[in-house]
């Protein structure tokens, strides 16, 4: 489920770079289609989800909420 979200983020991110003139259209297509960037972004999204989950758990324990 994370990989499709990562692809969407890459597609819109690359389009934003092209729209604001930070890179060419060809470079934008390469960024959106690069499997190494997709894998790195997938790992990053997974790490963010894990961090948010662990932070919520820690906060719940600290405030005495049900865990």
PDB file of N, CA and C in Angstrom:
ATOM      1  N   UNK A   1       0.813  -1.197   0.000  1.00  0.00           N
ATOM      2  CA  UNK A   1       0.000   0.000   0.000  1.00  0.00           C
ATOM      3  C   UNK A   1       0.858   1.262   0.000  1.00  0.00           C
ATOM      4  N   UNK A   2       2.059   1.177   0.555  1.00  0.00           N
ATOM      5  CA  UNK A   2       2.915   2.358   0.623  1.00  0.00           C
ATOM      6  C   UNK A   2       3.510   2.695  -0.745  1.00  0.00           C
ATOM      7  N   UNK A   3       3.821   1.675  -1.549  1.00  0.00           N
ATOM      8  CA  UNK A   3       4.440   1.929  -2.853  1.00  0.00           C
ATOM      9  C   UNK A   3       3.565   2.785  -3.772  1.00  0.00           C
ATOM     10  N   UNK A   4       2.254   2.529  -3.879  1.00  0.00           N
ATOM     11  CA  UNK A   4       1.443   3.415  -4.726  1.00  0.00           C
ATOM     12  C   UNK A   4       1.424   4.857  -4.224  1.00  0.00           C
ATOM     13  N   UNK A   5       1.421   5.028  -2.912  1.00  0.00           N
ATOM     14  CA  UNK A   5       1.454   6.381  -2.352  1.00  0.00           C
ATOM     15  C   UNK A   5       2.787   7.045  -2.695  1.00  0.00           C
ATOM     16  N   UNK A   6       3.868   6.280  -2.611  1.00  0.00           N
ATOM     17  CA  UNK A   6       5.183   6.828  -2.959  1.00  0.00           C
ATOM     18  C   UNK A   6       5.225   7.233  -4.429  1.00  0.00           C
ATOM     19  N   UNK A   7       4.633   6.424  -5.298  1.00  0.00           N
ATOM     20  CA  UNK A   7       4.598   6.778  -6.734  1.00  0.00           C
ATOM     21  C   UNK A   7       3.816   8.065  -6.964  1.00  0.00           C
ATOM     22  N   UNK A   8       2.701   8.216  -6.271  1.00  0.00           N
ATOM     23  CA  UNK A   8       1.893   9.434  -6.413  1.00  0.00           C
ATOM     24  C   UNK A   8       2.693  10.645  -5.945  1.00  0.00           C
ATOM     25  N   UNK A   9       3.369  10.510  -4.809  1.00  0.00           N
ATOM     26  CA  UNK A   9       4.184  11.613  -4.292  1.00  0.00           C
ATOM     27  C   UNK A   9       5.282  11.976  -5.287  1.00  0.00           C
ATOM     28  N   UNK A  10       5.949  10.967  -5.846  1.00  0.00           N
ATOM     29  CA  UNK A  10       7.000  11.244  -6.837  1.00  0.00           C
ATOM     30  C   UNK A  10       6.439  11.929  -8.073  1.00  0.00           C
ATOM     31  N   UNK A  11       5.283  11.465  -8.551  1.00  0.00           N
ATOM     32  CA  UNK A  11       4.685  12.040  -9.753  1.00  0.00           C
ATOM     33  C   UNK A  11       4.366  13.518  -9.536  1.00  0.00           C
ATOM     34  N   UNK A  12       3.700  13.830  -8.408  1.00  0.00           N
ATOM     35  CA  UNK A  12       3.345  15.220  -8.144  1.00  0.00           C
ATOM     36  C   UNK A  12       4.572  16.060  -7.798  1.00  0.00           C
ATOM     37  N   UNK A  13       5.535  15.463  -7.098  1.00  0.00           N
ATOM     38  CA  UNK A  13       6.761  16.191  -6.781  1.00  0.00           C
ATOM     39  C   UNK A  13       7.545  16.547  -8.033  1.00  0.00           C
ATOM     40  N   UNK A  14       7.662  15.593  -8.947  1.00  0.00           N
ATOM     41  CA  UNK A  14       8.370  15.854 -10.203  1.00  0.00           C
ATOM     42  C   UNK A  14       7.627  16.904 -11.029  1.00  0.00           C
ATOM     43  N   UNK A  15       6.298  16.811 -11.046  1.00  0.00           N
ATOM     44  CA  UNK A  15       5.511  17.810 -11.788  1.00  0.00           C
ATOM     45  C   UNK A  15       5.702  19.200 -11.188  1.00  0.00           C
ATOM     46  N   UNK A  16       5.787  19.274  -9.866  1.00  0.00           N
ATOM     47  CA  UNK A  16       6.024  20.563  -9.212  1.00  0.00           C
ATOM     48  C   UNK A  16       7.380  21.139  -9.566  1.00  0.00           C
ATOM     49  N   UNK A  17       8.396  20.272  -9.633  1.00  0.00           N
ATOM     50  CA  UNK A  17       9.732  20.744 -10.019  1.00  0.00           C
ATOM     51  C   UNK A  17       9.732  21.298 -11.431  1.00  0.00           C
ATOM     52  N   UNK A  18       9.023  20.625 -12.334  1.00  0.00           N
ATOM     53  CA  UNK A  18       8.959  21.084 -13.723  1.00  0.00           C
ATOM     54  C   UNK A  18       8.146  22.373 -13.804  1.00  0.00           C
ATOM     55  N   UNK A  19       7.022  22.430 -13.099  1.00  0.00           N
ATOM     56  CA  UNK A  19       6.149  23.601 -13.140  1.00  0.00           C
ATOM     57  C   UNK A  19       6.878  24.861 -12.681  1.00  0.00           C
ATOM     58  N   UNK A  20       7.659  24.757 -11.639  1.00  0.00           N
ATOM     59  CA  UNK A  20       8.352  25.919 -11.116  1.00  0.00           C
ATOM     60  C   UNK A  20       9.711  26.135 -11.765  1.00  0.00           C
ATOM     61  N   UNK A  21      10.010  25.404 -12.831  1.00  0.00           N
ATOM     62  CA  UNK A  21      11.218  25.629 -13.602  1.00  0.00           C
ATOM     63  C   UNK A  21      12.493  25.176 -12.915  1.00  0.00           C
ATOM     64  N   UNK A  22      12.373  24.280 -11.939  1.00  0.00           N
ATOM     65  CA  UNK A  22      13.563  23.814 -11.238  1.00  0.00           C
ATOM     66  C   UNK A  22      14.263  22.682 -11.965  1.00  0.00           C
ATOM     67  N   UNK A  23      13.574  22.064 -12.909  1.00  0.00           N
ATOM     68  CA  UNK A  23      14.164  20.999 -13.719  1.00  0.00           C
ATOM     69  C   UNK A  23      13.404  20.883 -15.035  1.00  0.00           C
ATOM     70  N   UNK A  24      13.960  20.131 -15.973  1.00  0.00           N
ATOM     71  CA  UNK A  24      13.317  19.969 -17.270  1.00  0.00           C
ATOM     72  C   UNK A  24      12.241  18.886 -17.201  1.00  0.00           C
ATOM     73  N   UNK A  25      11.399  18.833 -18.215  1.00  0.00           N
ATOM     74  CA  UNK A  25      10.344  17.823 -18.269  1.00  0.00           C
ATOM     75  C   UNK A  25      10.936  16.423 -18.341  1.00  0.00           C
ATOM     76  N   UNK A  26      12.025  16.265 -19.080  1.00  0.00           N
ATOM     77  CA  UNK A  26      12.659  14.944 -19.179  1.00  0.00           C
ATOM     78  C   UNK A  26      13.206  14.497 -17.828  1.00  0.00           C
ATOM     79  N   UNK A  27      13.823  15.407 -17.094  1.00  0.00           N
ATOM     80  CA  UNK A  27      14.330  15.068 -15.764  1.00  0.00           C
ATOM     81  C   UNK A  27      13.175  14.729 -14.831  1.00  0.00           C
ATOM     82  N   UNK A  28      12.074  15.428 -14.950  1.00  0.00           N
ATOM     83  CA  UNK A  28      10.890  15.123 -14.137  1.00  0.00           C
ATOM     84  C   UNK A  28      10.374  13.719 -14.390  1.00  0.00           C
ATOM     85  N   UNK A  29      10.345  13.305 -15.669  1.00  0.00           N
ATOM     86  CA  UNK A  29       9.916  11.945 -16.003  1.00  0.00           C
ATOM     87  C   UNK A  29      10.882  10.913 -15.428  1.00  0.00           C
ATOM     88  N   UNK A  30      12.167  11.202 -15.470  1.00  0.00           N
ATOM     89  CA  UNK A  30      13.158  10.276 -14.923  1.00  0.00           C
ATOM     90  C   UNK A  30      13.013  10.148 -13.405  1.00  0.00           C
ATOM     91  N   UNK A  31      12.771  11.257 -12.729  1.00  0.00           N
ATOM     92  CA  UNK A  31      12.595  11.225 -11.276  1.00  0.00           C
ATOM     93  C   UNK A  31      11.367  10.389 -10.914  1.00  0.00           C
ATOM     94  N   UNK A  32      10.265  10.608 -11.624  1.00  0.00           N
ATOM     95  CA  UNK A  32       9.023   9.901 -11.319  1.00  0.00           C
ATOM     96  C   UNK A  32       9.114   8.416 -11.624  1.00  0.00           C
ATOM     97  N   UNK A  33       9.987   8.014 -12.539  1.00  0.00           N
ATOM     98  CA  UNK A  33      10.072   6.609 -12.949  1.00  0.00           C
ATOM     99  C   UNK A  33      11.269   5.870 -12.355  1.00  0.00           C
ATOM    100  N   UNK A  34      12.115   6.536 -11.595  1.00  0.00           N
ATOM    101  CA  UNK A  34      13.332   5.906 -11.071  1.00  0.00           C
ATOM    102  C   UNK A  34      12.995   4.950  -9.926  1.00  0.00           C
ATOM    103  N   UNK A  35      13.290   3.658 -10.089  1.00  0.00           N
ATOM    104  CA  UNK A  35      12.950   2.703  -9.029  1.00  0.00           C
ATOM    105  C   UNK A  35      13.773   2.903  -7.749  1.00  0.00           C
ATOM    106  N   UNK A  36      14.987   3.421  -7.863  1.00  0.00           N
ATOM    107  CA  UNK A  36      15.786   3.665  -6.661  1.00  0.00           C
ATOM    108  C   UNK A  36      15.174   4.773  -5.809  1.00  0.00           C
ATOM    109  N   UNK A  37      14.718   5.829  -6.458  1.00  0.00           N
ATOM    110  CA  UNK A  37      14.061   6.911  -5.730  1.00  0.00           C
ATOM    111  C   UNK A  37      12.755   6.408  -5.131  1.00  0.00           C
ATOM    112  N   UNK A  38      12.009   5.595  -5.884  1.00  0.00           N
ATOM    113  CA  UNK A  38      10.761   5.022  -5.378  1.00  0.00           C
ATOM    114  C   UNK A  38      11.024   4.171  -4.139  1.00  0.00           C
ATOM    115  N   UNK A  39      12.057   3.338  -4.172  1.00  0.00           N
ATOM    116  CA  UNK A  39      12.380   2.507  -3.011  1.00  0.00           C
ATOM    117  C   UNK A  39      12.782   3.352  -1.810  1.00  0.00           C
ATOM    118  N   UNK A  40      13.582   4.367  -2.039  1.00  0.00           N
ATOM    119  CA  UNK A  40      14.002   5.237  -0.933  1.00  0.00           C
ATOM    120  C   UNK A  40      12.803   5.962  -0.335  1.00  0.00           C
ATOM    121  N   UNK A  41      11.903   6.446  -1.185  1.00  0.00           N
ATOM    122  CA  UNK A  41      10.719   7.145  -0.696  1.00  0.00           C
ATOM    123  C   UNK A  41       9.793   6.189   0.046  1.00  0.00           C
ATOM    124  N   UNK A  42       9.679   4.953  -0.431  1.00  0.00           N
ATOM    125  CA  UNK A  42       8.864   3.949   0.252  1.00  0.00           C
ATOM    126  C   UNK A  42       9.410   3.685   1.650  1.00  0.00           C
ATOM    127  N   UNK A  43      10.717   3.559   1.771  1.00  0.00           N
ATOM    128  CA  UNK A  43      11.341   3.347   3.079  1.00  0.00           C
ATOM    129  C   UNK A  43      11.106   4.558   3.977  1.00  0.00           C
ATOM    130  N   UNK A  44      11.246   5.750   3.422  1.00  0.00           N
ATOM    131  CA  UNK A  44      11.035   6.967   4.202  1.00  0.00           C
ATOM    132  C   UNK A  44       9.598   7.057   4.698  1.00  0.00           C
ATOM    133  N   UNK A  45       8.630   6.763   3.843  1.00  0.00           N
ATOM    134  CA  UNK A  45       7.224   6.803   4.256  1.00  0.00           C
ATOM    135  C   UNK A  45       6.968   5.782   5.359  1.00  0.00           C
ATOM    136  N   UNK A  46       7.524   4.582   5.208  1.00  0.00           N
ATOM    137  CA  UNK A  46       7.379   3.567   6.242  1.00  0.00           C
ATOM    138  C   UNK A  46       7.973   4.010   7.567  1.00  0.00           C
ATOM    139  N   UNK A  47       9.136   4.662   7.523  1.00  0.00           N
ATOM    140  CA  UNK A  47       9.772   5.153   8.741  1.00  0.00           C
ATOM    141  C   UNK A  47       8.941   6.247   9.405  1.00  0.00           C
ATOM    142  N   UNK A  48       8.364   7.114   8.602  1.00  0.00           N
ATOM    143  CA  UNK A  48       7.516   8.182   9.153  1.00  0.00           C
ATOM    144  C   UNK A  48       6.277   7.579   9.817  1.00  0.00           C
ATOM    145  N   UNK A  49       5.662   6.606   9.164  1.00  0.00           N
ATOM    146  CA  UNK A  49       4.487   5.951   9.746  1.00  0.00           C
ATOM    147  C   UNK A  49       4.857   5.283  11.066  1.00  0.00           C
ATOM    148  N   UNK A  50       5.993   4.591  11.105  1.00  0.00           N
ATOM    149  CA  UNK A  50       6.444   3.941  12.340  1.00  0.00           C
ATOM    150  C   UNK A  50       6.707   4.969  13.436  1.00  0.00           C
ATOM    151  N   UNK A  51       7.338   6.072  13.094  1.00  0.00           N
ATOM    152  CA  UNK A  51       7.635   7.109  14.086  1.00  0.00           C
ATOM    153  C   UNK A  51       6.359   7.723  14.650  1.00  0.00           C
ATOM    154  N   UNK A  52       5.391   7.986  13.788  1.00  0.00           N
ATOM    155  CA  UNK A  52       4.118   8.552  14.248  1.00  0.00           C
ATOM    156  C   UNK A  52       3.405   7.564  15.166  1.00  0.00           C
ATOM    157  N   UNK A  53       3.407   6.299  14.798  1.00  0.00           N
ATOM    158  CA  UNK A  53       2.763   5.272  15.614  1.00  0.00           C
ATOM    159  C   UNK A  53       3.419   5.157  16.984  1.00  0.00           C
ATOM    160  N   UNK A  54       4.737   5.097  17.000  1.00  0.00           N
ATOM    161  CA  UNK A  54       5.450   4.973  18.273  1.00  0.00           C
ATOM    162  C   UNK A  54       5.277   6.221  19.134  1.00  0.00           C
ATOM    163  N   UNK A  55       5.240   7.386  18.517  1.00  0.00           N
ATOM    164  CA  UNK A  55       5.022   8.626  19.264  1.00  0.00           C
ATOM    165  C   UNK A  55       3.627   8.643  19.875  1.00  0.00           C
ATOM    166  N   UNK A  56       2.633   8.202  19.115  1.00  0.00           N
ATOM    167  CA  UNK A  56       1.266   8.142  19.637  1.00  0.00           C
ATOM    168  C   UNK A  56       1.181   7.162  20.806  1.00  0.00           C
ATOM    169  N   UNK A  57       1.862   6.035  20.711  1.00  0.00           N
ATOM    170  CA  UNK A  57       1.875   5.044  21.793  1.00  0.00           C
ATOM    171  C   UNK A  57       2.545   5.626  23.037  1.00  0.00           C
ATOM    172  N   UNK A  58       3.694   6.279  22.846  1.00  0.00           N
ATOM    173  CA  UNK A  58       4.401   6.888  23.967  1.00  0.00           C
ATOM    174  C   UNK A  58       3.540   7.948  24.648  1.00  0.00           C
ATOM    175  N   UNK A  59       2.881   8.781  23.840  1.00  0.00           N
ATOM    176  CA  UNK A  59       2.030   9.824  24.367  1.00  0.00           C
ATOM    177  C   UNK A  59       0.854   9.234  25.138  1.00  0.00           C
ATOM    178  N   UNK A  60       0.259   8.173  24.601  1.00  0.00           N
ATOM    179  CA  UNK A  60      -0.862   7.521  25.278  1.00  0.00           C
ATOM    180  C   UNK A  60      -0.436   6.943  26.620  1.00  0.00           C
ATOM    181  N   UNK A  61       0.733   6.332  26.663  1.00  0.00           N
ATOM    182  CA  UNK A  61       1.240   5.790  27.937  1.00  0.00           C
ATOM    183  C   UNK A  61       1.503   6.907  28.934  1.00  0.00           C
ATOM    184  N   UNK A  62       2.096   7.992  28.456  1.00  0.00           N
ATOM    185  CA  UNK A  62       2.441   9.102  29.337  1.00  0.00           C
ATOM    186  C   UNK A  62       1.188   9.773  29.909  1.00  0.00           C
ATOM    187  N   UNK A  63       0.139   9.876  29.116  1.00  0.00           N
ATOM    188  CA  UNK A  63      -1.086  10.549  29.566  1.00  0.00           C
ATOM    189  C   UNK A  63      -2.090   9.596  30.207  1.00  0.00           C
ATOM    190  N   UNK A  64      -1.741   8.310  30.268  1.00  0.00           N
ATOM    191  CA  UNK A  64      -2.618   7.353  30.924  1.00  0.00           C
ATOM    192  C   UNK A  64      -3.789   6.892  30.082  1.00  0.00           C
ATOM    193  N   UNK A  65      -3.724   7.096  28.797  1.00  0.00           N
ATOM    194  CA  UNK A  65      -4.799   6.633  27.915  1.00  0.00           C
ATOM    195  C   UNK A  65      -4.716   5.129  27.740  1.00  0.00           C
ATOM    196  N   UNK A  66      -5.781   4.524  27.224  1.00  0.00           N
ATOM    197  CA  UNK A  66      -5.776   3.093  26.950  1.00  0.00           C
ATOM    198  C   UNK A  66      -4.800   2.784  25.821  1.00  0.00           C
ATOM    199  N   UNK A  67      -4.045   1.719  26.010  1.00  0.00           N
ATOM    200  CA  UNK A  67      -3.086   1.327  24.950  1.00  0.00           C
ATOM    201  C   UNK A  67      -3.323  -0.079  24.501  1.00  0.00           C
TER     202      UNK A  67
END
